[in-house]
PDB file of all heavy atoms in Angstrom:
ATOM      1  N   GLY A   1      -0.131 -14.161   0.641  1.00  0.00           N
ATOM      2  CA  GLY A   1      -0.925 -13.028   0.976  1.00  0.00           C
ATOM      3  C   GLY A   1      -2.370 -13.216   0.479  1.00  0.00           C
ATOM      4  O   GLY A   1      -2.680 -14.131  -0.314  1.00  0.00           O
ATOM      5  N   ALA A   2      -3.245 -12.352   0.892  1.00  0.00           N
ATOM      6  CA  ALA A   2      -4.656 -12.292   0.459  1.00  0.00           C
ATOM      7  C   ALA A   2      -4.876 -11.054  -0.349  1.00  0.00           C
ATOM      8  O   ALA A   2      -4.293 -10.000  -0.079  1.00  0.00           O
ATOM      9  CB  ALA A   2      -5.604 -12.358   1.631  1.00  0.00           C
ATOM     10  N   ALA A   3      -5.796 -11.113  -1.322  1.00  0.00           N
ATOM     11  CA  ALA A   3      -6.067  -9.932  -2.125  1.00  0.00           C
ATOM     12  C   ALA A   3      -6.567  -8.747  -1.260  1.00  0.00           C
ATOM     13  O   ALA A   3      -6.241  -7.596  -1.557  1.00  0.00           O
ATOM     14  CB  ALA A   3      -7.191 -10.287  -3.176  1.00  0.00           C
ATOM     15  N   SER A   4      -7.215  -9.078  -0.168  1.00  0.00           N
ATOM     16  CA  SER A   4      -7.743  -7.979   0.681  1.00  0.00           C
ATOM     17  C   SER A   4      -6.602  -7.243   1.325  1.00  0.00           C
ATOM     18  O   SER A   4      -6.704  -6.041   1.674  1.00  0.00           O
ATOM     19  CB  SER A   4      -8.689  -8.608   1.742  1.00  0.00           C
ATOM     20  OG  SER A   4      -8.010  -9.552   2.556  1.00  0.00           O
ATOM     21  N   GLU A   5      -5.480  -7.961   1.569  1.00  0.00           N
ATOM     22  CA  GLU A   5      -4.332  -7.281   2.187  1.00  0.00           C
ATOM     23  C   GLU A   5      -3.673  -6.274   1.195  1.00  0.00           C
ATOM     24  O   GLU A   5      -3.164  -5.226   1.657  1.00  0.00           O
ATOM     25  CB  GLU A   5      -3.305  -8.319   2.650  1.00  0.00           C
ATOM     26  CG  GLU A   5      -3.839  -9.186   3.814  1.00  0.00           C
ATOM     27  CD  GLU A   5      -2.873 -10.256   4.228  1.00  0.00           C
ATOM     28  OE1 GLU A   5      -2.563 -11.094   3.372  1.00  0.00           O
ATOM     29  OE2 GLU A   5      -2.492 -10.258   5.398  1.00  0.00           O
ATOM     30  N   ILE A   6      -3.652  -6.640  -0.063  1.00  0.00           N
ATOM     31  CA  ILE A   6      -3.169  -5.667  -1.051  1.00  0.00           C
ATOM     32  C   ILE A   6      -4.104  -4.496  -1.198  1.00  0.00           C
ATOM     33  O   ILE A   6      -3.703  -3.373  -1.319  1.00  0.00           O
ATOM     34  CB  ILE A   6      -2.969  -6.383  -2.420  1.00  0.00           C
ATOM     35  CG1 ILE A   6      -2.128  -7.682  -2.263  1.00  0.00           C
ATOM     36  CG2 ILE A   6      -2.347  -5.413  -3.395  1.00  0.00           C
ATOM     37  CD1 ILE A   6      -0.826  -7.497  -1.559  1.00  0.00           C
ATOM     38  N   ALA A   7      -5.377  -4.778  -1.115  1.00  0.00           N
ATOM     39  CA  ALA A   7      -6.400  -3.744  -1.239  1.00  0.00           C
ATOM     40  C   ALA A   7      -6.251  -2.709  -0.086  1.00  0.00           C
ATOM     41  O   ALA A   7      -6.494  -1.503  -0.248  1.00  0.00           O
ATOM     42  CB  ALA A   7      -7.799  -4.301  -1.199  1.00  0.00           C
ATOM     43  N   GLY A   8      -5.834  -3.198   1.052  1.00  0.00           N
ATOM     44  CA  GLY A   8      -5.592  -2.268   2.193  1.00  0.00           C
ATOM     45  C   GLY A   8      -4.480  -1.332   1.897  1.00  0.00           C
ATOM     46  O   GLY A   8      -4.526  -0.170   2.299  1.00  0.00           O
ATOM     47  N   VAL A   9      -3.427  -1.768   1.237  1.00  0.00           N
ATOM     48  CA  VAL A   9      -2.294  -0.911   0.867  1.00  0.00           C
ATOM     49  C   VAL A   9      -2.781   0.121  -0.170  1.00  0.00           C
ATOM     50  O   VAL A   9      -2.415   1.291  -0.119  1.00  0.00           O
ATOM     51  CB  VAL A   9      -1.136  -1.716   0.346  1.00  0.00           C
ATOM     52  CG1 VAL A   9      -0.002  -0.797  -0.137  1.00  0.00           C
ATOM     53  CG2 VAL A   9      -0.612  -2.735   1.399  1.00  0.00           C
ATOM     54  N   VAL A  10      -3.554  -0.359  -1.149  1.00  0.00           N
ATOM     55  CA  VAL A  10      -4.115   0.556  -2.154  1.00  0.00           C
ATOM     56  C   VAL A  10      -4.926   1.686  -1.525  1.00  0.00           C
ATOM     57  O   VAL A  10      -4.771   2.834  -1.860  1.00  0.00           O
ATOM     58  CB  VAL A  10      -4.907  -0.219  -3.241  1.00  0.00           C
ATOM     59  CG1 VAL A  10      -5.621   0.733  -4.173  1.00  0.00           C
ATOM     60  CG2 VAL A  10      -3.993  -1.195  -3.984  1.00  0.00           C
ATOM     61  N   ALA A  11      -5.818   1.264  -0.616  1.00  0.00           N
ATOM     62  CA  ALA A  11      -6.631   2.241   0.060  1.00  0.00           C
ATOM     63  C   ALA A  11      -5.761   3.282   0.820  1.00  0.00           C
ATOM     64  O   ALA A  11      -6.097   4.514   0.814  1.00  0.00           O
ATOM     65  CB  ALA A  11      -7.573   1.582   1.036  1.00  0.00           C
ATOM     66  N   PHE A  12      -4.707   2.824   1.423  1.00  0.00           N
ATOM     67  CA  PHE A  12      -3.798   3.712   2.146  1.00  0.00           C
ATOM     68  C   PHE A  12      -3.174   4.681   1.148  1.00  0.00           C
ATOM     69  O   PHE A  12      -3.077   5.911   1.384  1.00  0.00           O
ATOM     70  CB  PHE A  12      -2.728   2.899   2.853  1.00  0.00           C
ATOM     71  CG  PHE A  12      -1.541   3.702   3.290  1.00  0.00           C
ATOM     72  CD1 PHE A  12      -1.636   4.628   4.344  1.00  0.00           C
ATOM     73  CD2 PHE A  12      -0.296   3.535   2.715  1.00  0.00           C
ATOM     74  CE1 PHE A  12      -0.527   5.375   4.759  1.00  0.00           C
ATOM     75  CE2 PHE A  12       0.823   4.271   3.099  1.00  0.00           C
ATOM     76  CZ  PHE A  12       0.719   5.188   4.141  1.00  0.00           C
ATOM     77  N   LEU A  13      -2.678   4.171   0.035  1.00  0.00           N
ATOM     78  CA  LEU A  13      -1.992   5.023  -0.938  1.00  0.00           C
ATOM     79  C   LEU A  13      -2.895   6.048  -1.594  1.00  0.00           C
ATOM     80  O   LEU A  13      -2.480   7.140  -1.888  1.00  0.00           O
ATOM     81  CB  LEU A  13      -1.359   4.169  -2.025  1.00  0.00           C
ATOM     82  CG  LEU A  13      -0.159   3.255  -1.620  1.00  0.00           C
ATOM     83  CD1 LEU A  13       0.252   2.384  -2.735  1.00  0.00           C
ATOM     84  CD2 LEU A  13       0.990   4.107  -1.118  1.00  0.00           C
ATOM     85  N   LEU A  14      -4.159   5.682  -1.778  1.00  0.00           N
ATOM     86  CA  LEU A  14      -5.135   6.641  -2.330  1.00  0.00           C
ATOM     87  C   LEU A  14      -5.687   7.665  -1.343  1.00  0.00           C
ATOM     88  O   LEU A  14      -6.177   8.711  -1.730  1.00  0.00           O
ATOM     89  CB  LEU A  14      -6.283   5.907  -3.006  1.00  0.00           C
ATOM     90  CG  LEU A  14      -5.917   5.093  -4.254  1.00  0.00           C
ATOM     91  CD1 LEU A  14      -7.185   4.403  -4.799  1.00  0.00           C
ATOM     92  CD2 LEU A  14      -5.317   5.948  -5.354  1.00  0.00           C
ATOM     93  N   SER A  15      -5.522   7.361  -0.071  1.00  0.00           N
ATOM     94  CA  SER A  15      -6.085   8.217   0.976  1.00  0.00           C
ATOM     95  C   SER A  15      -5.140   9.318   1.353  1.00  0.00           C
ATOM     96  O   SER A  15      -3.956   9.261   0.995  1.00  0.00           O
ATOM     97  CB  SER A  15      -6.457   7.375   2.183  1.00  0.00           C
ATOM     98  OG  SER A  15      -5.270   7.042   2.955  1.00  0.00           O
ATOM     99  N   GLU A  16      -5.580  10.218   2.158  1.00  0.00           N
ATOM    100  CA  GLU A  16      -4.716  11.298   2.628  1.00  0.00           C
ATOM    101  C   GLU A  16      -3.816  10.800   3.800  1.00  0.00           C
ATOM    102  O   GLU A  16      -3.004  11.597   4.301  1.00  0.00           O
ATOM    103  CB  GLU A  16      -5.570  12.491   3.112  1.00  0.00           C
ATOM    104  CG  GLU A  16      -6.218  13.252   1.942  1.00  0.00           C
ATOM    105  CD  GLU A  16      -5.164  13.595   0.854  1.00  0.00           C
ATOM    106  OE1 GLU A  16      -4.226  14.332   1.165  1.00  0.00           O
ATOM    107  OE2 GLU A  16      -5.301  13.140  -0.290  1.00  0.00           O
ATOM    108  N   ASP A  17      -3.967   9.550   4.212  1.00  0.00           N
ATOM    109  CA  ASP A  17      -3.093   9.007   5.204  1.00  0.00           C
ATOM    110  C   ASP A  17      -1.677   8.872   4.690  1.00  0.00           C
ATOM    111  O   ASP A  17      -0.694   8.738   5.431  1.00  0.00           O
ATOM    112  CB  ASP A  17      -3.593   7.606   5.678  1.00  0.00           C
ATOM    113  CG  ASP A  17      -4.810   7.723   6.528  1.00  0.00           C
ATOM    114  OD1 ASP A  17      -5.093   8.779   7.104  1.00  0.00           O
ATOM    115  OD2 ASP A  17      -5.631   6.752   6.504  1.00  0.00           O
ATOM    116  N   SER A  18      -1.557   8.877   3.323  1.00  0.00           N
ATOM    117  CA  SER A  18      -0.270   8.801   2.665  1.00  0.00           C
ATOM    118  C   SER A  18       0.145  10.093   2.005  1.00  0.00           C
ATOM    119  O   SER A  18       0.816  10.125   0.970  1.00  0.00           O
ATOM    120  CB  SER A  18      -0.264   7.654   1.605  1.00  0.00           C
ATOM    121  OG  SER A  18      -1.218   7.934   0.590  1.00  0.00           O
ATOM    122  N   SER A  19      -0.321  11.220   2.545  1.00  0.00           N
ATOM    123  CA  SER A  19      -0.261  12.490   1.909  1.00  0.00           C
ATOM    124  C   SER A  19       1.135  12.998   1.575  1.00  0.00           C
ATOM    125  O   SER A  19       1.287  13.926   0.753  1.00  0.00           O
ATOM    126  CB  SER A  19      -1.006  13.593   2.739  1.00  0.00           C
ATOM    127  OG  SER A  19      -0.451  13.650   4.007  1.00  0.00           O
ATOM    128  N   TYR A  20       2.159  12.469   2.263  1.00  0.00           N
ATOM    129  CA  TYR A  20       3.519  12.899   1.962  1.00  0.00           C
ATOM    130  C   TYR A  20       4.310  11.823   1.151  1.00  0.00           C
ATOM    131  O   TYR A  20       5.523  11.855   1.168  1.00  0.00           O
ATOM    132  CB  TYR A  20       4.260  13.293   3.239  1.00  0.00           C
ATOM    133  CG  TYR A  20       5.468  14.157   2.981  1.00  0.00           C
ATOM    134  CD1 TYR A  20       5.326  15.347   2.282  1.00  0.00           C
ATOM    135  CD2 TYR A  20       6.708  13.823   3.498  1.00  0.00           C
ATOM    136  CE1 TYR A  20       6.456  16.171   2.024  1.00  0.00           C
ATOM    137  CE2 TYR A  20       7.810  14.656   3.294  1.00  0.00           C
ATOM    138  CZ  TYR A  20       7.705  15.822   2.560  1.00  0.00           C
ATOM    139  OH  TYR A  20       8.780  16.617   2.348  1.00  0.00           O
ATOM    140  N   MET A  21       3.582  10.991   0.489  1.00  0.00           N
ATOM    141  CA  MET A  21       4.247   9.922  -0.321  1.00  0.00           C
ATOM    142  C   MET A  21       3.978  10.186  -1.798  1.00  0.00           C
ATOM    143  O   MET A  21       2.821  10.476  -2.220  1.00  0.00           O
ATOM    144  CB  MET A  21       3.673   8.558   0.054  1.00  0.00           C
ATOM    145  CG  MET A  21       4.093   8.072   1.447  1.00  0.00           C
ATOM    146  SD  MET A  21       3.346   6.471   1.855  1.00  0.00           S
ATOM    147  CE  MET A  21       4.166   5.416   0.610  1.00  0.00           C
ATOM    148  N   ALA A  22       5.035  10.061  -2.593  1.00  0.00           N
ATOM    149  CA  ALA A  22       4.928  10.215  -4.027  1.00  0.00           C
ATOM    150  C   ALA A  22       6.013   9.405  -4.685  1.00  0.00           C
ATOM    151  O   ALA A  22       7.165   9.412  -4.208  1.00  0.00           O
ATOM    152  CB  ALA A  22       5.021  11.708  -4.477  1.00  0.00           C
ATOM    153  N   GLY A  23       5.668   8.680  -5.701  1.00  0.00           N
ATOM    154  CA  GLY A  23       6.632   7.892  -6.450  1.00  0.00           C
ATOM    155  C   GLY A  23       7.187   6.669  -5.751  1.00  0.00           C
ATOM    156  O   GLY A  23       8.173   6.079  -6.157  1.00  0.00           O
ATOM    157  N   GLN A  24       6.481   6.258  -4.705  1.00  0.00           N
ATOM    158  CA  GLN A  24       6.935   5.093  -3.918  1.00  0.00           C
ATOM    159  C   GLN A  24       6.278   3.801  -4.442  1.00  0.00           C
ATOM    160  O   GLN A  24       5.144   3.796  -4.860  1.00  0.00           O
ATOM    161  CB  GLN A  24       6.616   5.286  -2.442  1.00  0.00           C
ATOM    162  CG  GLN A  24       7.273   6.530  -1.830  1.00  0.00           C
ATOM    163  CD  GLN A  24       8.791   6.483  -2.030  1.00  0.00           C
ATOM    164  OE1 GLN A  24       9.470   5.565  -1.555  1.00  0.00           O
ATOM    165  NE2 GLN A  24       9.307   7.507  -2.746  1.00  0.00           N
ATOM    166  N   VAL A  25       6.993   2.720  -4.354  1.00  0.00           N
ATOM    167  CA  VAL A  25       6.493   1.411  -4.669  1.00  0.00           C
ATOM    168  C   VAL A  25       6.569   0.619  -3.405  1.00  0.00           C
ATOM    169  O   VAL A  25       7.624   0.223  -2.949  1.00  0.00           O
ATOM    170  CB  VAL A  25       7.299   0.739  -5.811  1.00  0.00           C
ATOM    171  CG1 VAL A  25       6.680  -0.633  -6.124  1.00  0.00           C
ATOM    172  CG2 VAL A  25       7.278   1.633  -7.065  1.00  0.00           C
ATOM    173  N   VAL A  26       5.397   0.370  -2.782  1.00  0.00           N
ATOM    174  CA  VAL A  26       5.347  -0.268  -1.478  1.00  0.00           C
ATOM    175  C   VAL A  26       5.247  -1.764  -1.603  1.00  0.00           C
ATOM    176  O   VAL A  26       4.290  -2.255  -2.231  1.00  0.00           O
ATOM    177  CB  VAL A  26       4.098   0.236  -0.692  1.00  0.00           C
ATOM    178  CG1 VAL A  26       4.059  -0.411   0.673  1.00  0.00           C
ATOM    179  CG2 VAL A  26       4.182   1.751  -0.567  1.00  0.00           C
ATOM    180  N   SER A  27       6.215  -2.517  -1.170  1.00  0.00           N
ATOM    181  CA  SER A  27       6.181  -3.940  -1.181  1.00  0.00           C
ATOM    182  C   SER A  27       5.203  -4.512  -0.205  1.00  0.00           C
ATOM    183  O   SER A  27       5.229  -4.190   0.999  1.00  0.00           O
ATOM    184  CB  SER A  27       7.597  -4.548  -0.922  1.00  0.00           C
ATOM    185  OG  SER A  27       8.475  -4.165  -1.924  1.00  0.00           O
ATOM    186  N   ALA A  28       4.333  -5.397  -0.696  1.00  0.00           N
ATOM    187  CA  ALA A  28       3.377  -6.127   0.158  1.00  0.00           C
ATOM    188  C   ALA A  28       3.550  -7.580  -0.199  1.00  0.00           C
ATOM    189  O   ALA A  28       2.825  -8.143  -0.971  1.00  0.00           O
ATOM    190  CB  ALA A  28       1.964  -5.657  -0.062  1.00  0.00           C
ATOM    191  N   ASP A  29       4.621  -8.169   0.311  1.00  0.00           N
ATOM    192  CA  ASP A  29       5.100  -9.494  -0.187  1.00  0.00           C
ATOM    193  C   ASP A  29       5.528 -10.444   0.955  1.00  0.00           C
ATOM    194  O   ASP A  29       6.251 -11.407   0.692  1.00  0.00           O
ATOM    195  CB  ASP A  29       6.264  -9.295  -1.150  1.00  0.00           C
ATOM    196  CG  ASP A  29       7.425  -8.548  -0.462  1.00  0.00           C
ATOM    197  OD1 ASP A  29       7.401  -8.401   0.776  1.00  0.00           O
ATOM    198  OD2 ASP A  29       8.398  -8.179  -1.177  1.00  0.00           O
ATOM    199  N   GLY A  30       5.050 -10.241   2.141  1.00  0.00           N
ATOM    200  CA  GLY A  30       5.434 -11.099   3.218  1.00  0.00           C
ATOM    201  C   GLY A  30       6.868 -10.962   3.666  1.00  0.00           C
ATOM    202  O   GLY A  30       7.398 -11.841   4.360  1.00  0.00           O
ATOM    203  N   GLY A  31       7.519  -9.960   3.130  1.00  0.00           N
ATOM    204  CA  GLY A  31       8.938  -9.732   3.426  1.00  0.00           C
ATOM    205  C   GLY A  31       9.889 -10.410   2.400  1.00  0.00           C
ATOM    206  O   GLY A  31      11.108 -10.389   2.614  1.00  0.00           O
ATOM    207  N   ALA A  32       9.324 -10.925   1.308  1.00  0.00           N
ATOM    208  CA  ALA A  32      10.145 -11.657   0.353  1.00  0.00           C
ATOM    209  C   ALA A  32      11.357 -10.865  -0.169  1.00  0.00           C
ATOM    210  O   ALA A  32      12.462 -11.423  -0.316  1.00  0.00           O
ATOM    211  CB  ALA A  32       9.271 -12.133  -0.822  1.00  0.00           C
TER     212      ALA A  32
END
């Protein structure tokens, strides 16, 4: 992966696009 791809997930989690998510750990690992 690239650091920018992880940053995209962080931006999603901090934004209101993820407004109904709490306590989740989102894997960004190429499916590993």
